[in-house]
All heavy atoms as atom14 arrays in JSON, in Angstrom:
{
  "sequence": "TNVYDLGCSTGTTMIGMNTTIPHDIKFIG",
  "atom14_mask": [
    [1, 1, 1, 1, 1, 1, 1, 0, 0, 0, 0, 0, 0, 0],
    [1, 1, 1, 1, 1, 1, 1, 1, 0, 0, 0, 0, 0, 0],
    [1, 1, 1, 1, 1, 1, 1, 0, 0, 0, 0, 0, 0, 0],
    [1, 1, 1, 1, 1, 1, 1, 1, 1, 1, 1, 1, 0, 0],
    [1, 1, 1, 1, 1, 1, 1, 1, 0, 0, 0, 0, 0, 0],
    [1, 1, 1, 1, 1, 1, 1, 1, 0, 0, 0, 0, 0, 0],
    [1, 1, 1, 1, 0, 0, 0, 0, 0, 0, 0, 0, 0, 0],
    [1, 1, 1, 1, 1, 1, 0, 0, 0, 0, 0, 0, 0, 0],
    [1, 1, 1, 1, 1, 1, 0, 0, 0, 0, 0, 0, 0, 0],
    [1, 1, 1, 1, 1, 1, 1, 0, 0, 0, 0, 0, 0, 0],
    [1, 1, 1, 1, 0, 0, 0, 0, 0, 0, 0, 0, 0, 0],
    [1, 1, 1, 1, 1, 1, 1, 0, 0, 0, 0, 0, 0, 0],
    [1, 1, 1, 1, 1, 1, 1, 0, 0, 0, 0, 0, 0, 0],
    [1, 1, 1, 1, 1, 1, 1, 1, 0, 0, 0, 0, 0, 0],
    [1, 1, 1, 1, 1, 1, 1, 1, 0, 0, 0, 0, 0, 0],
    [1, 1, 1, 1, 0, 0, 0, 0, 0, 0, 0, 0, 0, 0],
    [1, 1, 1, 1, 1, 1, 1, 1, 0, 0, 0, 0, 0, 0],
    [1, 1, 1, 1, 1, 1, 1, 1, 0, 0, 0, 0, 0, 0],
    [1, 1, 1, 1, 1, 1, 1, 0, 0, 0, 0, 0, 0, 0],
    [1, 1, 1, 1, 1, 1, 1, 0, 0, 0, 0, 0, 0, 0],
    [1, 1, 1, 1, 1, 1, 1, 1, 0, 0, 0, 0, 0, 0],
    [1, 1, 1, 1, 1, 1, 1, 0, 0, 0, 0, 0, 0, 0],
    [1, 1, 1, 1, 1, 1, 1, 1, 1, 1, 0, 0, 0, 0],
    [1, 1, 1, 1, 1, 1, 1, 1, 0, 0, 0, 0, 0, 0],
    [1, 1, 1, 1, 1, 1, 1, 1, 0, 0, 0, 0, 0, 0],
    [1, 1, 1, 1, 1, 1, 1, 1, 1, 0, 0, 0, 0, 0],
    [1, 1, 1, 1, 1, 1, 1, 1, 1, 1, 1, 0, 0, 0],
    [1, 1, 1, 1, 1, 1, 1, 1, 0, 0, 0, 0, 0, 0],
    [1, 1, 1, 1, 0, 0, 0, 0, 0, 0, 0, 0, 0, 0]
  ],
  "atom14_positions": [
    [[55.59, 68.59, 39.98], [55.94, 67.27, 39.42], [55.09, 66.94, 38.08], [54.14, 67.7, 37.75], [55.79, 66.12, 40.41], [54.38, 65.91, 40.65], [56.56, 66.42, 41.64], [0.0, 0.0, 0.0], [0.0, 0.0, 0.0], [0.0, 0.0, 0.0], [0.0, 0.0, 0.0], [0.0, 0.0, 0.0], [0.0, 0.0, 0.0], [0.0, 0.0, 0.0]],
    [[55.37, 65.84, 37.55], [54.66, 65.37, 36.39], [53.85, 64.11, 36.69], [54.15, 63.35, 37.56], [55.59, 65.06, 35.2], [56.47, 66.18, 34.8], [55.97, 67.23, 34.62], [57.73, 65.92, 34.57], [0.0, 0.0, 0.0], [0.0, 0.0, 0.0], [0.0, 0.0, 0.0], [0.0, 0.0, 0.0], [0.0, 0.0, 0.0], [0.0, 0.0, 0.0]],
    [[52.71, 63.99, 35.93], [51.88, 62.73, 36.06], [51.95, 62.01, 34.66], [51.74, 62.63, 33.66], [50.41, 63.1, 36.41], [49.54, 61.83, 36.2], [50.28, 63.63, 37.78], [0.0, 0.0, 0.0], [0.0, 0.0, 0.0], [0.0, 0.0, 0.0], [0.0, 0.0, 0.0], [0.0, 0.0, 0.0], [0.0, 0.0, 0.0], [0.0, 0.0, 0.0]],
    [[52.32, 60.74, 34.72], [52.51, 59.94, 33.44], [51.43, 58.89, 33.34], [51.02, 58.3, 34.27], [53.83, 59.23, 33.5], [55.05, 60.07, 33.3], [55.62, 60.91, 34.19], [55.64, 60.08, 32.01], [56.73, 61.61, 33.98], [56.82, 60.8, 31.69], [57.33, 61.61, 32.74], [58.49, 62.33, 32.48], [0.0, 0.0, 0.0], [0.0, 0.0, 0.0]],
    [[50.95, 58.73, 32.11], [50.12, 57.59, 31.74], [50.8, 56.84, 30.67], [50.92, 57.22, 29.54], [48.74, 58.12, 31.24], [47.79, 57.01, 30.98], [48.0, 55.88, 31.31], [46.64, 57.35, 30.47], [0.0, 0.0, 0.0], [0.0, 0.0, 0.0], [0.0, 0.0, 0.0], [0.0, 0.0, 0.0], [0.0, 0.0, 0.0], [0.0, 0.0, 0.0]],
    [[51.3, 55.63, 31.04], [52.02, 54.74, 30.17], [51.09, 53.81, 29.45], [50.4, 53.02, 30.1], [53.12, 53.97, 30.93], [54.08, 54.81, 31.75], [55.15, 53.98, 32.45], [54.78, 55.97, 30.95], [0.0, 0.0, 0.0], [0.0, 0.0, 0.0], [0.0, 0.0, 0.0], [0.0, 0.0, 0.0], [0.0, 0.0, 0.0], [0.0, 0.0, 0.0]],
    [[51.09, 53.84, 28.11], [50.11, 53.05, 27.37], [48.8, 53.82, 27.42], [47.74, 53.29, 27.72], [0.0, 0.0, 0.0], [0.0, 0.0, 0.0], [0.0, 0.0, 0.0], [0.0, 0.0, 0.0], [0.0, 0.0, 0.0], [0.0, 0.0, 0.0], [0.0, 0.0, 0.0], [0.0, 0.0, 0.0], [0.0, 0.0, 0.0], [0.0, 0.0, 0.0]],
    [[48.88, 55.14, 27.19], [47.73, 56.02, 27.47], [46.58, 55.78, 26.52], [45.5, 56.33, 26.76], [48.12, 57.53, 27.39], [48.79, 58.05, 25.76], [0.0, 0.0, 0.0], [0.0, 0.0, 0.0], [0.0, 0.0, 0.0], [0.0, 0.0, 0.0], [0.0, 0.0, 0.0], [0.0, 0.0, 0.0], [0.0, 0.0, 0.0], [0.0, 0.0, 0.0]],
    [[46.8, 55.12, 25.4], [45.74, 54.78, 24.44], [44.97, 56.05, 24.01], [45.63, 57.04, 23.59], [44.81, 53.68, 24.89], [44.13, 54.0, 26.1], [0.0, 0.0, 0.0], [0.0, 0.0, 0.0], [0.0, 0.0, 0.0], [0.0, 0.0, 0.0], [0.0, 0.0, 0.0], [0.0, 0.0, 0.0], [0.0, 0.0, 0.0], [0.0, 0.0, 0.0]],
    [[43.63, 56.08, 24.17], [42.8, 57.23, 23.67], [42.71, 58.28, 24.7], [41.88, 59.25, 24.48], [41.51, 56.8, 23.12], [40.77, 56.21, 24.25], [41.71, 55.69, 22.03], [0.0, 0.0, 0.0], [0.0, 0.0, 0.0], [0.0, 0.0, 0.0], [0.0, 0.0, 0.0], [0.0, 0.0, 0.0], [0.0, 0.0, 0.0], [0.0, 0.0, 0.0]],
    [[43.35, 58.23, 25.85], [43.35, 59.36, 26.8], [42.29, 59.32, 27.87], [42.13, 60.28, 28.6], [0.0, 0.0, 0.0], [0.0, 0.0, 0.0], [0.0, 0.0, 0.0], [0.0, 0.0, 0.0], [0.0, 0.0, 0.0], [0.0, 0.0, 0.0], [0.0, 0.0, 0.0], [0.0, 0.0, 0.0], [0.0, 0.0, 0.0], [0.0, 0.0, 0.0]],
    [[41.5, 58.23, 27.94], [40.41, 58.16, 28.94], [40.96, 58.44, 30.39], [40.26, 59.17, 31.12], [39.67, 56.84, 28.85], [39.15, 56.73, 27.56], [38.65, 56.74, 29.94], [0.0, 0.0, 0.0], [0.0, 0.0, 0.0], [0.0, 0.0, 0.0], [0.0, 0.0, 0.0], [0.0, 0.0, 0.0], [0.0, 0.0, 0.0], [0.0, 0.0, 0.0]],
    [[42.06, 57.81, 30.7], [42.57, 57.93, 32.08], [42.99, 59.39, 32.33], [42.8, 59.99, 33.44], [43.76, 57.03, 32.32], [43.33, 55.65, 32.14], [44.26, 57.12, 33.68], [0.0, 0.0, 0.0], [0.0, 0.0, 0.0], [0.0, 0.0, 0.0], [0.0, 0.0, 0.0], [0.0, 0.0, 0.0], [0.0, 0.0, 0.0], [0.0, 0.0, 0.0]],
    [[43.68, 60.04, 31.45], [44.08, 61.47, 31.54], [42.89, 62.38, 31.69], [42.89, 63.32, 32.46], [45.04, 61.89, 30.46], [46.45, 61.25, 30.59], [47.59, 62.07, 29.41], [47.11, 61.36, 27.84], [0.0, 0.0, 0.0], [0.0, 0.0, 0.0], [0.0, 0.0, 0.0], [0.0, 0.0, 0.0], [0.0, 0.0, 0.0], [0.0, 0.0, 0.0]],
    [[41.83, 62.1, 30.93], [40.61, 62.9, 31.05], [40.0, 62.78, 32.46], [39.56, 63.79, 33.01], [39.66, 62.49, 29.85], [40.16, 62.94, 28.59], [38.22, 63.17, 30.16], [39.4, 62.41, 27.36], [0.0, 0.0, 0.0], [0.0, 0.0, 0.0], [0.0, 0.0, 0.0], [0.0, 0.0, 0.0], [0.0, 0.0, 0.0], [0.0, 0.0, 0.0]],
    [[40.04, 61.61, 32.99], [39.51, 61.44, 34.26], [40.35, 62.1, 35.31], [39.83, 62.8, 36.16], [0.0, 0.0, 0.0], [0.0, 0.0, 0.0], [0.0, 0.0, 0.0], [0.0, 0.0, 0.0], [0.0, 0.0, 0.0], [0.0, 0.0, 0.0], [0.0, 0.0, 0.0], [0.0, 0.0, 0.0], [0.0, 0.0, 0.0], [0.0, 0.0, 0.0]],
    [[41.67, 61.94, 35.23], [42.54, 62.59, 36.25], [42.53, 64.12, 36.07], [42.78, 64.84, 37.1], [43.95, 62.08, 36.07], [44.14, 60.66, 36.41], [45.87, 60.09, 36.49], [46.46, 60.37, 34.7], [0.0, 0.0, 0.0], [0.0, 0.0, 0.0], [0.0, 0.0, 0.0], [0.0, 0.0, 0.0], [0.0, 0.0, 0.0], [0.0, 0.0, 0.0]],
    [[42.2, 64.65, 34.97], [42.1, 66.06, 34.76], [41.06, 66.72, 35.73], [41.17, 67.88, 36.01], [41.71, 66.38, 33.3], [41.88, 67.79, 32.93], [42.82, 68.41, 33.16], [40.79, 68.34, 32.35], [0.0, 0.0, 0.0], [0.0, 0.0, 0.0], [0.0, 0.0, 0.0], [0.0, 0.0, 0.0], [0.0, 0.0, 0.0], [0.0, 0.0, 0.0]],
    [[40.06, 65.95, 36.1], [38.98, 66.46, 36.91], [39.38, 66.54, 38.46], [38.71, 67.15, 39.18], [37.71, 65.63, 36.75], [37.89, 64.35, 37.25], [37.23, 65.61, 35.34], [0.0, 0.0, 0.0], [0.0, 0.0, 0.0], [0.0, 0.0, 0.0], [0.0, 0.0, 0.0], [0.0, 0.0, 0.0], [0.0, 0.0, 0.0], [0.0, 0.0, 0.0]],
    [[40.43, 65.81, 38.77], [40.76, 65.73, 40.25], [42.17, 66.28, 40.55], [42.44, 66.5, 41.77], [40.74, 64.24, 40.62], [41.77, 63.48, 39.87], [39.42, 63.57, 40.39], [0.0, 0.0, 0.0], [0.0, 0.0, 0.0], [0.0, 0.0, 0.0], [0.0, 0.0, 0.0], [0.0, 0.0, 0.0], [0.0, 0.0, 0.0], [0.0, 0.0, 0.0]],
    [[42.95, 66.51, 39.56], [44.35, 66.95, 39.8], [44.56, 68.42, 39.47], [44.04, 68.87, 38.41], [45.44, 66.02, 39.03], [45.36, 64.66, 39.59], [46.82, 66.65, 39.07], [46.28, 63.65, 38.83], [0.0, 0.0, 0.0], [0.0, 0.0, 0.0], [0.0, 0.0, 0.0], [0.0, 0.0, 0.0], [0.0, 0.0, 0.0], [0.0, 0.0, 0.0]],
    [[45.15, 69.26, 40.34], [45.4, 70.72, 39.98], [45.94, 70.88, 38.57], [46.73, 70.18, 38.03], [46.46, 71.09, 41.01], [46.27, 70.23, 42.21], [45.82, 68.84, 41.64], [0.0, 0.0, 0.0], [0.0, 0.0, 0.0], [0.0, 0.0, 0.0], [0.0, 0.0, 0.0], [0.0, 0.0, 0.0], [0.0, 0.0, 0.0], [0.0, 0.0, 0.0]],
    [[45.46, 71.97, 37.92], [45.63, 72.14, 36.51], [46.99, 72.61, 36.06], [47.29, 72.7, 34.84], [44.6, 73.07, 35.94], [43.28, 72.38, 35.65], [42.48, 72.72, 34.6], [42.65, 71.34, 36.37], [41.4, 71.94, 34.6], [41.49, 71.06, 35.61], [0.0, 0.0, 0.0], [0.0, 0.0, 0.0], [0.0, 0.0, 0.0], [0.0, 0.0, 0.0]],
    [[47.92, 72.92, 37.07], [49.25, 73.36, 36.73], [50.19, 72.12, 36.8], [51.42, 72.34, 36.57], [49.81, 74.49, 37.58], [49.55, 74.26, 39.01], [48.94, 73.24, 39.42], [49.95, 75.14, 39.84], [0.0, 0.0, 0.0], [0.0, 0.0, 0.0], [0.0, 0.0, 0.0], [0.0, 0.0, 0.0], [0.0, 0.0, 0.0], [0.0, 0.0, 0.0]],
    [[49.72, 70.97, 37.01], [50.56, 69.76, 36.99], [50.54, 69.16, 35.62], [49.41, 68.95, 35.04], [50.07, 68.7, 38.07], [50.27, 69.24, 39.5], [50.82, 67.35, 37.81], [49.86, 68.31, 40.51], [0.0, 0.0, 0.0], [0.0, 0.0, 0.0], [0.0, 0.0, 0.0], [0.0, 0.0, 0.0], [0.0, 0.0, 0.0], [0.0, 0.0, 0.0]],
    [[51.65, 69.01, 35.03], [51.75, 68.47, 33.66], [51.45, 67.0, 33.58], [51.92, 66.15, 34.36], [53.18, 68.8, 33.06], [53.33, 68.4, 31.59], [54.78, 68.8, 31.2], [54.96, 68.42, 29.69], [56.29, 68.77, 29.24], [0.0, 0.0, 0.0], [0.0, 0.0, 0.0], [0.0, 0.0, 0.0], [0.0, 0.0, 0.0], [0.0, 0.0, 0.0]],
    [[50.72, 66.71, 32.48], [50.39, 65.25, 32.16], [51.3, 64.84, 30.94], [51.37, 65.61, 29.97], [48.95, 65.05, 31.78], [48.01, 65.0, 32.88], [48.33, 65.29, 34.2], [46.66, 64.74, 32.65], [47.49, 65.23, 35.27], [45.74, 64.79, 33.74], [46.11, 65.01, 34.98], [0.0, 0.0, 0.0], [0.0, 0.0, 0.0], [0.0, 0.0, 0.0]],
    [[51.84, 63.62, 30.95], [52.62, 63.12, 29.82], [52.08, 61.76, 29.58], [52.06, 60.81, 30.4], [54.07, 63.0, 30.23], [54.65, 64.4, 30.55], [54.86, 62.4, 29.02], [56.06, 64.41, 31.13], [0.0, 0.0, 0.0], [0.0, 0.0, 0.0], [0.0, 0.0, 0.0], [0.0, 0.0, 0.0], [0.0, 0.0, 0.0], [0.0, 0.0, 0.0]],
    [[51.6, 61.57, 28.31], [51.05, 60.38, 27.85], [52.01, 59.62, 26.95], [52.57, 60.28, 26.04], [0.0, 0.0, 0.0], [0.0, 0.0, 0.0], [0.0, 0.0, 0.0], [0.0, 0.0, 0.0], [0.0, 0.0, 0.0], [0.0, 0.0, 0.0], [0.0, 0.0, 0.0], [0.0, 0.0, 0.0], [0.0, 0.0, 0.0], [0.0, 0.0, 0.0]]
  ]
}
């Protein structure tokens, strides 16, 4: 599946989630 960050701004939330979520799951900001 995909993980979405709506209103992702400068990416802080995606950087945090990157450390906890398997790396083959796609992020969409």
